[in-house]
Each structure stands twice: as C-alpha cells, then as structure tokens.
C-alpha cells in the first residue's frame, strides 16, 4: 500500500480555514509546526489525553462526498491537516506507518463533528465524512512535503 500526500493544511487560529502549505515540520507530541493544535489552541486541544498530533482525510472520500451530497468542499474546509491520495486510511488505525521519513502511529477514526458544521454551514459533512479520516500521533521529527509517499 503506497499512497501520497495530496495537500497539507494548517492554521494557527481556531475557527479559521486552514491554508495550504507545500511542506511542514512534524514534531512528536506537538503536531505540525505552526498549526493550532501545535500551540494547543485548537477546538479539541483540551479534550482528554488522546494524541491529536495530525489529522488525515483521503481525497477520494472528499470527492465522493461532493458528488453524493452535491456540495463543494473548498480547500482546507474539511479542517484536516493532510489530504492523502491512494491509501485506505482505515487500514492504518492501530498501525505504525511512514510519511516520507517520518514515523506515525494511527490512533483512531477522525469523525466529523458539529463544530465542523458550525464553521462551514454544510450539514452533509456530518453524514458524508462519518467513519472516515484518521487521527495520528507523530513518532519522529522531520519535514513532510506534498507528494511524499505513505507506507505501512
């Protein structure tokens, strides 16, 4: 299973739409440098002790949701850090994997929430993105780039 990073998104402000970047430093226990969760300023930053270093969603799911629900999901509007292409993210839950040279651990499904609907006004995202995406813990420090390979 080899997929790639399609896009990377970060924002340092809670509630702001994440912006696209070509590369970013990943830091264990903190997240993506400059992102709201890196600074513990994200909406879910203080929700227990579960790791929330980085979130992923696959571009194939986003395309399916747009078509099935007749909505447009603007870049970064899904509020996940990394869009992947060609990888089944559900296969990474509970497993260690790599993005380029960076080791990560798949933790759990990244379910959509009412906060996402509040920010976007797009109710279909709750149903369309259910059971999709991935929350992962960063295990090693490094820089990830758009186009990096994702490997189990």
N, C-alpha and C. Protein backbone atom coordinates (compact mmCIF):
# COMPACT_ATOMS: atom_id res chain seq x y z
N UNK A 1 0.84 -1.17 0.00
CA UNK A 1 0.00 0.00 0.00
C UNK A 1 0.88 1.23 0.00
N UNK A 2 0.87 1.96 -1.07
CA UNK A 2 1.60 3.21 -1.16
C UNK A 2 0.67 4.29 -1.65
N UNK A 3 0.46 5.28 -0.81
CA UNK A 3 -0.30 6.45 -1.19
C UNK A 3 0.64 7.64 -1.14
N UNK A 4 0.08 8.82 -1.35
CA UNK A 4 0.89 10.03 -1.29
C UNK A 4 0.14 11.13 -0.56
N UNK A 5 0.89 12.13 -0.12
CA UNK A 5 0.28 13.35 0.41
C UNK A 5 -0.17 14.17 -0.79
N UNK A 6 -1.45 14.48 -0.83
CA UNK A 6 -2.03 15.29 -1.90
C UNK A 6 -1.95 16.77 -1.55
N UNK A 7 -2.23 17.11 -0.27
CA UNK A 7 -2.22 18.50 0.20
C UNK A 7 -1.94 18.52 1.70
N UNK A 8 -1.41 19.64 2.18
CA UNK A 8 -1.18 19.86 3.61
C UNK A 8 -1.84 21.19 3.98
N UNK A 9 -2.56 21.20 5.12
CA UNK A 9 -3.27 22.40 5.57
C UNK A 9 -2.98 22.67 7.04
N UNK A 10 -2.76 23.94 7.38
CA UNK A 10 -2.59 24.35 8.78
C UNK A 10 -3.17 25.74 8.97
N UNK A 11 -3.52 26.02 10.20
CA UNK A 11 -3.91 27.36 10.62
C UNK A 11 -3.52 27.52 12.07
N UNK A 12 -3.07 28.71 12.44
CA UNK A 12 -2.70 28.94 13.83
C UNK A 12 -3.85 29.53 14.63
N UNK A 13 -5.00 29.75 13.97
CA UNK A 13 -6.13 30.39 14.61
C UNK A 13 -7.33 29.45 14.66
N UNK A 14 -7.89 29.27 15.84
CA UNK A 14 -9.09 28.45 15.99
C UNK A 14 -10.22 29.06 15.18
N UNK A 15 -10.89 28.23 14.39
CA UNK A 15 -12.03 28.68 13.60
C UNK A 15 -11.69 29.17 12.21
N UNK A 16 -10.42 29.52 11.96
CA UNK A 16 -10.02 29.98 10.63
C UNK A 16 -9.87 28.78 9.69
N UNK A 17 -10.15 28.99 8.41
CA UNK A 17 -9.97 27.93 7.43
C UNK A 17 -8.47 27.69 7.25
N UNK A 18 -8.03 26.45 7.39
CA UNK A 18 -6.61 26.15 7.21
C UNK A 18 -6.12 26.50 5.80
N UNK A 19 -4.87 26.96 5.73
CA UNK A 19 -4.25 27.33 4.46
C UNK A 19 -3.35 26.19 3.98
N UNK A 20 -3.21 26.10 2.69
CA UNK A 20 -2.37 25.08 2.07
C UNK A 20 -0.89 25.48 2.16
N UNK A 21 -0.05 24.50 2.51
CA UNK A 21 1.40 24.70 2.52
C UNK A 21 2.02 23.53 1.75
N UNK A 22 3.21 23.75 1.20
CA UNK A 22 3.88 22.68 0.45
C UNK A 22 4.64 21.73 1.36
N UNK A 23 5.18 22.25 2.45
CA UNK A 23 5.92 21.40 3.40
C UNK A 23 5.74 21.94 4.80
N UNK A 24 5.97 21.05 5.78
CA UNK A 24 5.78 21.43 7.18
C UNK A 24 6.59 20.51 8.07
N UNK A 25 7.04 21.02 9.19
CA UNK A 25 7.79 20.22 10.15
C UNK A 25 6.80 19.52 11.08
N UNK A 26 7.00 18.22 11.27
CA UNK A 26 6.19 17.41 12.18
C UNK A 26 7.00 17.18 13.45
N UNK A 27 6.39 17.44 14.62
CA UNK A 27 7.08 17.35 15.89
C UNK A 27 6.32 16.39 16.82
N UNK A 28 6.99 15.32 17.29
CA UNK A 28 6.33 14.36 18.19
C UNK A 28 5.75 15.06 19.42
N UNK A 29 4.53 14.68 19.76
CA UNK A 29 3.88 15.21 20.96
C UNK A 29 3.33 16.61 20.82
N UNK A 30 3.56 17.25 19.67
CA UNK A 30 3.09 18.62 19.46
C UNK A 30 2.20 18.74 18.24
N UNK A 31 2.63 18.15 17.11
CA UNK A 31 1.86 18.25 15.89
C UNK A 31 2.65 18.90 14.78
N UNK A 32 1.94 19.58 13.89
CA UNK A 32 2.57 20.24 12.75
C UNK A 32 2.91 21.67 13.16
N UNK A 33 4.17 22.03 13.00
CA UNK A 33 4.67 23.33 13.43
C UNK A 33 3.82 24.46 12.85
N UNK A 34 3.32 25.32 13.72
CA UNK A 34 2.51 26.44 13.29
C UNK A 34 1.01 26.19 13.29
N UNK A 35 0.59 24.93 13.43
CA UNK A 35 -0.84 24.62 13.44
C UNK A 35 -1.45 24.94 14.80
N UNK A 36 -2.76 25.13 14.84
CA UNK A 36 -3.47 25.46 16.07
C UNK A 36 -3.27 24.40 17.15
N UNK A 37 -3.21 23.13 16.77
CA UNK A 37 -3.03 22.07 17.77
C UNK A 37 -1.59 22.02 18.27
N UNK A 38 -0.64 22.43 17.46
CA UNK A 38 0.76 22.54 17.88
C UNK A 38 0.86 23.52 19.06
N UNK A 39 0.05 24.58 18.99
CA UNK A 39 0.04 25.62 20.02
C UNK A 39 -1.03 25.37 21.09
N UNK A 40 -1.67 24.19 21.03
CA UNK A 40 -2.75 23.82 21.96
C UNK A 40 -3.89 24.85 21.94
N UNK A 41 -4.18 25.36 20.75
CA UNK A 41 -5.22 26.36 20.59
C UNK A 41 -6.39 25.86 19.74
N UNK A 42 -6.38 24.58 19.37
CA UNK A 42 -7.46 24.02 18.56
C UNK A 42 -8.70 23.77 19.40
N UNK A 43 -9.83 23.66 18.73
CA UNK A 43 -11.12 23.44 19.40
C UNK A 43 -11.09 22.23 20.33
N UNK A 44 -10.39 21.17 19.94
CA UNK A 44 -10.35 19.93 20.72
C UNK A 44 -9.05 19.76 21.52
N UNK A 45 -8.24 20.80 21.65
CA UNK A 45 -6.94 20.70 22.32
C UNK A 45 -7.02 20.20 23.75
N UNK A 46 -8.08 20.53 24.43
CA UNK A 46 -8.16 20.19 25.86
C UNK A 46 -9.19 19.10 26.11
N UNK A 47 -9.33 18.19 25.14
CA UNK A 47 -10.30 17.11 25.22
C UNK A 47 -9.60 15.81 25.57
N UNK A 48 -9.20 15.65 26.84
CA UNK A 48 -8.57 14.43 27.29
C UNK A 48 -7.11 14.34 26.90
N UNK A 49 -6.55 13.17 27.12
CA UNK A 49 -5.12 12.95 26.87
C UNK A 49 -4.85 12.18 25.59
N UNK A 50 -5.85 12.04 24.73
CA UNK A 50 -5.64 11.30 23.49
C UNK A 50 -4.75 12.11 22.54
N UNK A 51 -3.77 11.47 21.92
CA UNK A 51 -2.93 12.18 20.95
C UNK A 51 -3.77 12.74 19.80
N UNK A 52 -3.44 13.94 19.38
CA UNK A 52 -4.13 14.61 18.27
C UNK A 52 -3.10 15.41 17.48
N UNK A 53 -1.96 14.75 17.19
CA UNK A 53 -0.86 15.46 16.53
C UNK A 53 -1.20 15.89 15.11
N UNK A 54 -1.87 15.01 14.37
CA UNK A 54 -2.16 15.31 12.97
C UNK A 54 -3.42 14.55 12.54
N UNK A 55 -4.20 15.16 11.64
CA UNK A 55 -5.41 14.51 11.12
C UNK A 55 -5.29 14.37 9.61
N UNK A 56 -5.81 13.27 9.11
CA UNK A 56 -5.73 12.96 7.68
C UNK A 56 -7.11 12.63 7.13
N UNK A 57 -7.31 12.93 5.87
CA UNK A 57 -8.52 12.55 5.15
C UNK A 57 -8.10 12.24 3.71
N UNK A 58 -8.75 11.27 3.09
CA UNK A 58 -8.35 10.92 1.72
C UNK A 58 -9.18 11.70 0.72
N UNK A 59 -8.53 12.09 -0.36
CA UNK A 59 -9.15 12.90 -1.40
C UNK A 59 -10.29 12.13 -2.07
N UNK A 60 -10.20 10.82 -2.11
CA UNK A 60 -11.26 10.01 -2.72
C UNK A 60 -12.57 10.15 -1.93
N UNK A 61 -12.48 10.20 -0.61
CA UNK A 61 -13.68 10.40 0.22
C UNK A 61 -14.26 11.79 -0.01
N UNK A 62 -13.40 12.80 -0.06
CA UNK A 62 -13.88 14.16 -0.29
C UNK A 62 -14.59 14.27 -1.64
N UNK A 63 -14.04 13.65 -2.67
CA UNK A 63 -14.67 13.68 -3.99
C UNK A 63 -16.02 12.95 -3.97
N UNK A 64 -16.09 11.82 -3.25
CA UNK A 64 -17.36 11.08 -3.14
C UNK A 64 -18.41 11.92 -2.42
N UNK A 65 -18.03 12.59 -1.34
CA UNK A 65 -18.96 13.41 -0.56
C UNK A 65 -19.48 14.57 -1.42
N UNK A 66 -18.61 15.21 -2.16
CA UNK A 66 -19.04 16.31 -3.03
C UNK A 66 -20.09 15.84 -4.04
N UNK A 67 -19.82 14.70 -4.65
CA UNK A 67 -20.73 14.17 -5.68
C UNK A 67 -22.04 13.67 -5.05
N UNK A 68 -21.93 12.90 -3.98
CA UNK A 68 -23.11 12.29 -3.36
C UNK A 68 -24.05 13.32 -2.74
N UNK A 69 -23.50 14.37 -2.15
CA UNK A 69 -24.32 15.37 -1.46
C UNK A 69 -24.44 16.69 -2.23
N UNK A 70 -23.87 16.72 -3.43
CA UNK A 70 -23.96 17.90 -4.28
C UNK A 70 -23.51 19.17 -3.53
N UNK A 71 -22.34 19.07 -2.91
CA UNK A 71 -21.74 20.22 -2.23
C UNK A 71 -20.31 20.40 -2.73
N UNK A 72 -19.77 21.56 -2.51
CA UNK A 72 -18.37 21.84 -2.83
C UNK A 72 -17.63 21.98 -1.52
N UNK A 73 -16.56 21.21 -1.37
CA UNK A 73 -15.70 21.32 -0.19
C UNK A 73 -14.47 22.11 -0.63
N UNK A 74 -14.38 23.34 -0.14
CA UNK A 74 -13.26 24.21 -0.50
C UNK A 74 -11.96 23.66 0.09
N UNK A 75 -10.82 23.98 -0.50
CA UNK A 75 -9.53 23.50 0.04
C UNK A 75 -9.37 23.87 1.52
N UNK A 76 -9.10 22.85 2.33
CA UNK A 76 -8.90 23.05 3.77
C UNK A 76 -10.17 23.15 4.58
N UNK A 77 -11.32 23.26 3.93
CA UNK A 77 -12.59 23.44 4.63
C UNK A 77 -12.94 22.23 5.50
N UNK A 78 -12.44 21.07 5.16
CA UNK A 78 -12.69 19.86 5.94
C UNK A 78 -11.96 19.89 7.28
N UNK A 79 -10.99 20.80 7.44
CA UNK A 79 -10.27 21.05 8.68
C UNK A 79 -9.31 19.93 9.08
N UNK A 80 -8.99 19.03 8.17
CA UNK A 80 -7.98 18.01 8.41
C UNK A 80 -6.65 18.54 7.92
N UNK A 81 -5.55 18.10 8.54
CA UNK A 81 -4.23 18.62 8.17
C UNK A 81 -3.72 18.09 6.84
N UNK A 82 -3.97 16.81 6.57
CA UNK A 82 -3.35 16.19 5.40
C UNK A 82 -4.42 15.50 4.56
N UNK A 83 -4.42 15.83 3.27
CA UNK A 83 -5.24 15.09 2.30
C UNK A 83 -4.32 14.06 1.68
N UNK A 84 -4.78 12.81 1.66
CA UNK A 84 -4.00 11.73 1.05
C UNK A 84 -4.65 11.30 -0.26
N UNK A 85 -3.87 10.57 -1.04
CA UNK A 85 -4.40 10.01 -2.29
C UNK A 85 -3.87 8.58 -2.41
N UNK A 86 -4.78 7.65 -2.70
CA UNK A 86 -4.36 6.28 -2.97
C UNK A 86 -4.07 5.42 -1.77
N UNK A 87 -4.61 5.79 -0.60
CA UNK A 87 -4.38 4.98 0.60
C UNK A 87 -5.69 4.86 1.38
N UNK A 88 -5.97 3.67 1.88
CA UNK A 88 -7.14 3.42 2.72
C UNK A 88 -6.73 3.73 4.16
N UNK A 89 -7.14 4.88 4.66
CA UNK A 89 -6.72 5.32 5.98
C UNK A 89 -7.21 4.40 7.10
N UNK A 90 -8.33 3.71 6.88
CA UNK A 90 -8.83 2.80 7.91
C UNK A 90 -7.84 1.65 8.17
N UNK A 91 -7.02 1.33 7.18
CA UNK A 91 -6.01 0.27 7.33
C UNK A 91 -4.86 0.70 8.24
N UNK A 92 -4.79 1.98 8.58
CA UNK A 92 -3.68 2.49 9.39
C UNK A 92 -4.03 2.64 10.87
N UNK A 93 -5.28 2.41 11.23
CA UNK A 93 -5.68 2.50 12.63
C UNK A 93 -4.97 1.41 13.42
N UNK A 94 -4.29 1.82 14.49
CA UNK A 94 -3.56 0.88 15.34
C UNK A 94 -2.24 0.42 14.75
N UNK A 95 -1.81 1.04 13.67
CA UNK A 95 -0.57 0.61 13.00
C UNK A 95 0.41 1.77 12.89
N UNK A 96 1.68 1.41 12.87
CA UNK A 96 2.71 2.40 12.58
C UNK A 96 2.85 2.49 11.06
N UNK A 97 3.05 3.72 10.58
CA UNK A 97 3.25 3.94 9.15
C UNK A 97 4.21 5.12 8.98
N UNK A 98 4.60 5.35 7.74
CA UNK A 98 5.54 6.43 7.45
C UNK A 98 4.98 7.37 6.39
N UNK A 99 5.28 8.64 6.58
CA UNK A 99 5.09 9.64 5.55
C UNK A 99 6.48 10.17 5.27
N UNK A 100 7.01 9.83 4.10
CA UNK A 100 8.41 10.14 3.83
C UNK A 100 9.27 9.42 4.86
N UNK A 101 10.07 10.17 5.59
CA UNK A 101 10.94 9.59 6.61
C UNK A 101 10.35 9.68 8.02
N UNK A 102 9.15 10.22 8.14
CA UNK A 102 8.54 10.44 9.45
C UNK A 102 7.67 9.24 9.84
N UNK A 103 7.89 8.73 11.05
CA UNK A 103 7.07 7.62 11.57
C UNK A 103 5.87 8.20 12.32
N UNK A 104 4.71 7.59 12.08
CA UNK A 104 3.46 7.97 12.75
C UNK A 104 2.76 6.71 13.24
N UNK A 105 1.83 6.89 14.16
CA UNK A 105 1.01 5.81 14.66
C UNK A 105 -0.44 6.19 14.43
N UNK A 106 -1.19 5.36 13.69
CA UNK A 106 -2.61 5.60 13.51
C UNK A 106 -3.34 5.35 14.82
N UNK A 107 -4.14 6.30 15.27
CA UNK A 107 -4.80 6.21 16.58
C UNK A 107 -6.27 5.81 16.45
N UNK A 108 -7.03 6.60 15.69
CA UNK A 108 -8.47 6.35 15.60
C UNK A 108 -9.05 7.08 14.39
N UNK A 109 -10.29 6.76 14.07
CA UNK A 109 -11.01 7.45 13.02
C UNK A 109 -11.20 8.91 13.44
N UNK A 110 -11.09 9.81 12.49
CA UNK A 110 -11.30 11.24 12.75
C UNK A 110 -12.72 11.60 12.34
N UNK A 111 -13.65 11.38 13.23
CA UNK A 111 -15.07 11.61 12.93
C UNK A 111 -15.37 13.10 12.79
N UNK A 112 -16.30 13.46 11.91
CA UNK A 112 -16.72 14.86 11.81
C UNK A 112 -17.55 15.23 13.03
N UNK A 113 -17.66 16.52 13.31
CA UNK A 113 -18.40 16.96 14.49
C UNK A 113 -19.25 18.18 14.16
N UNK A 114 -20.12 18.53 15.11
CA UNK A 114 -20.99 19.69 14.92
C UNK A 114 -20.18 20.97 14.75
N UNK A 115 -18.99 21.04 15.34
CA UNK A 115 -18.12 22.21 15.20
C UNK A 115 -17.78 22.44 13.71
N UNK A 116 -17.54 21.35 12.98
CA UNK A 116 -17.25 21.44 11.54
C UNK A 116 -18.43 22.05 10.80
N UNK A 117 -19.63 21.62 11.14
CA UNK A 117 -20.84 22.15 10.51
C UNK A 117 -21.04 23.62 10.90
N UNK A 118 -20.78 23.95 12.17
CA UNK A 118 -20.90 25.35 12.61
C UNK A 118 -19.99 26.27 11.79
N UNK A 119 -18.77 25.80 11.51
CA UNK A 119 -17.80 26.62 10.79
C UNK A 119 -18.08 26.71 9.30
N UNK A 120 -18.62 25.62 8.71
CA UNK A 120 -18.81 25.58 7.26
C UNK A 120 -20.25 25.83 6.82
N UNK A 121 -21.20 25.55 7.71
CA UNK A 121 -22.60 25.64 7.34
C UNK A 121 -23.05 24.51 6.44
N UNK A 122 -22.24 23.45 6.33
CA UNK A 122 -22.53 22.33 5.43
C UNK A 122 -22.88 21.08 6.22
N UNK A 123 -24.14 20.96 6.57
CA UNK A 123 -24.65 19.83 7.35
C UNK A 123 -24.30 18.47 6.74
N UNK A 124 -24.30 18.31 5.40
CA UNK A 124 -23.99 16.99 4.82
C UNK A 124 -22.60 16.46 5.19
N UNK A 125 -21.69 17.34 5.62
CA UNK A 125 -20.36 16.87 6.01
C UNK A 125 -20.42 15.90 7.18
N UNK A 126 -21.39 16.10 8.09
CA UNK A 126 -21.51 15.19 9.24
C UNK A 126 -21.76 13.77 8.80
N UNK A 127 -22.69 13.59 7.88
CA UNK A 127 -23.02 12.26 7.40
C UNK A 127 -21.99 11.76 6.39
N UNK A 128 -21.55 12.63 5.49
CA UNK A 128 -20.65 12.23 4.43
C UNK A 128 -19.26 11.82 4.89
N UNK A 129 -18.77 12.46 5.95
CA UNK A 129 -17.42 12.15 6.44
C UNK A 129 -17.39 11.18 7.62
N UNK A 130 -18.57 10.68 8.02
CA UNK A 130 -18.61 9.75 9.15
C UNK A 130 -17.77 8.50 8.82
N UNK A 131 -17.06 8.00 9.81
CA UNK A 131 -16.20 6.82 9.70
C UNK A 131 -15.08 7.00 8.68
N UNK A 132 -14.65 8.23 8.46
CA UNK A 132 -13.55 8.46 7.52
C UNK A 132 -12.48 9.29 8.20
N UNK A 133 -11.34 9.34 7.61
CA UNK A 133 -10.25 10.13 8.16
C UNK A 133 -9.50 9.38 9.25
N UNK A 134 -8.43 9.99 9.71
CA UNK A 134 -7.55 9.35 10.69
C UNK A 134 -6.90 10.39 11.58
N UNK A 135 -6.87 10.11 12.86
CA UNK A 135 -6.06 10.88 13.81
C UNK A 135 -4.80 10.07 14.03
N UNK A 136 -3.63 10.72 13.93
CA UNK A 136 -2.37 10.01 14.09
C UNK A 136 -1.45 10.76 15.05
N UNK A 137 -0.60 9.99 15.67
CA UNK A 137 0.43 10.51 16.56
C UNK A 137 1.75 10.53 15.79
N UNK A 138 2.48 11.62 15.89
CA UNK A 138 3.79 11.75 15.24
C UNK A 138 4.82 11.11 16.15
N UNK A 139 5.61 10.16 15.62
CA UNK A 139 6.60 9.45 16.43
C UNK A 139 8.02 9.97 16.24
N UNK A 140 8.33 10.50 15.06
CA UNK A 140 9.67 11.03 14.80
C UNK A 140 9.58 12.40 14.16
N UNK A 141 10.55 13.24 14.47
CA UNK A 141 10.63 14.61 13.97
C UNK A 141 11.08 14.62 12.51
N UNK A 142 10.56 15.54 11.74
CA UNK A 142 11.01 15.68 10.36
C UNK A 142 10.10 16.58 9.56
N UNK A 143 10.44 16.77 8.31
CA UNK A 143 9.65 17.62 7.42
C UNK A 143 8.89 16.72 6.45
N UNK A 144 7.59 17.00 6.32
CA UNK A 144 6.79 16.29 5.32
C UNK A 144 6.42 17.27 4.21
N UNK A 145 6.29 16.72 3.01
CA UNK A 145 6.05 17.52 1.81
C UNK A 145 4.90 16.96 0.99
N UNK A 146 4.22 17.82 0.28
CA UNK A 146 3.24 17.36 -0.69
C UNK A 146 3.96 16.43 -1.65
N UNK A 147 3.37 15.29 -1.93
CA UNK A 147 3.97 14.29 -2.81
C UNK A 147 4.72 13.19 -2.08
N UNK A 148 5.00 13.36 -0.78
CA UNK A 148 5.67 12.30 -0.02
C UNK A 148 4.85 11.02 -0.05
N UNK A 149 5.58 9.89 -0.08
CA UNK A 149 4.95 8.58 -0.06
C UNK A 149 4.45 8.24 1.34
N UNK A 150 3.34 7.51 1.40
CA UNK A 150 2.77 7.00 2.66
C UNK A 150 2.93 5.47 2.58
N UNK A 151 3.61 4.90 3.56
CA UNK A 151 3.90 3.46 3.54
C UNK A 151 3.63 2.83 4.90
N UNK A 152 3.08 1.60 4.85
CA UNK A 152 2.91 0.81 6.08
C UNK A 152 4.21 0.16 6.41
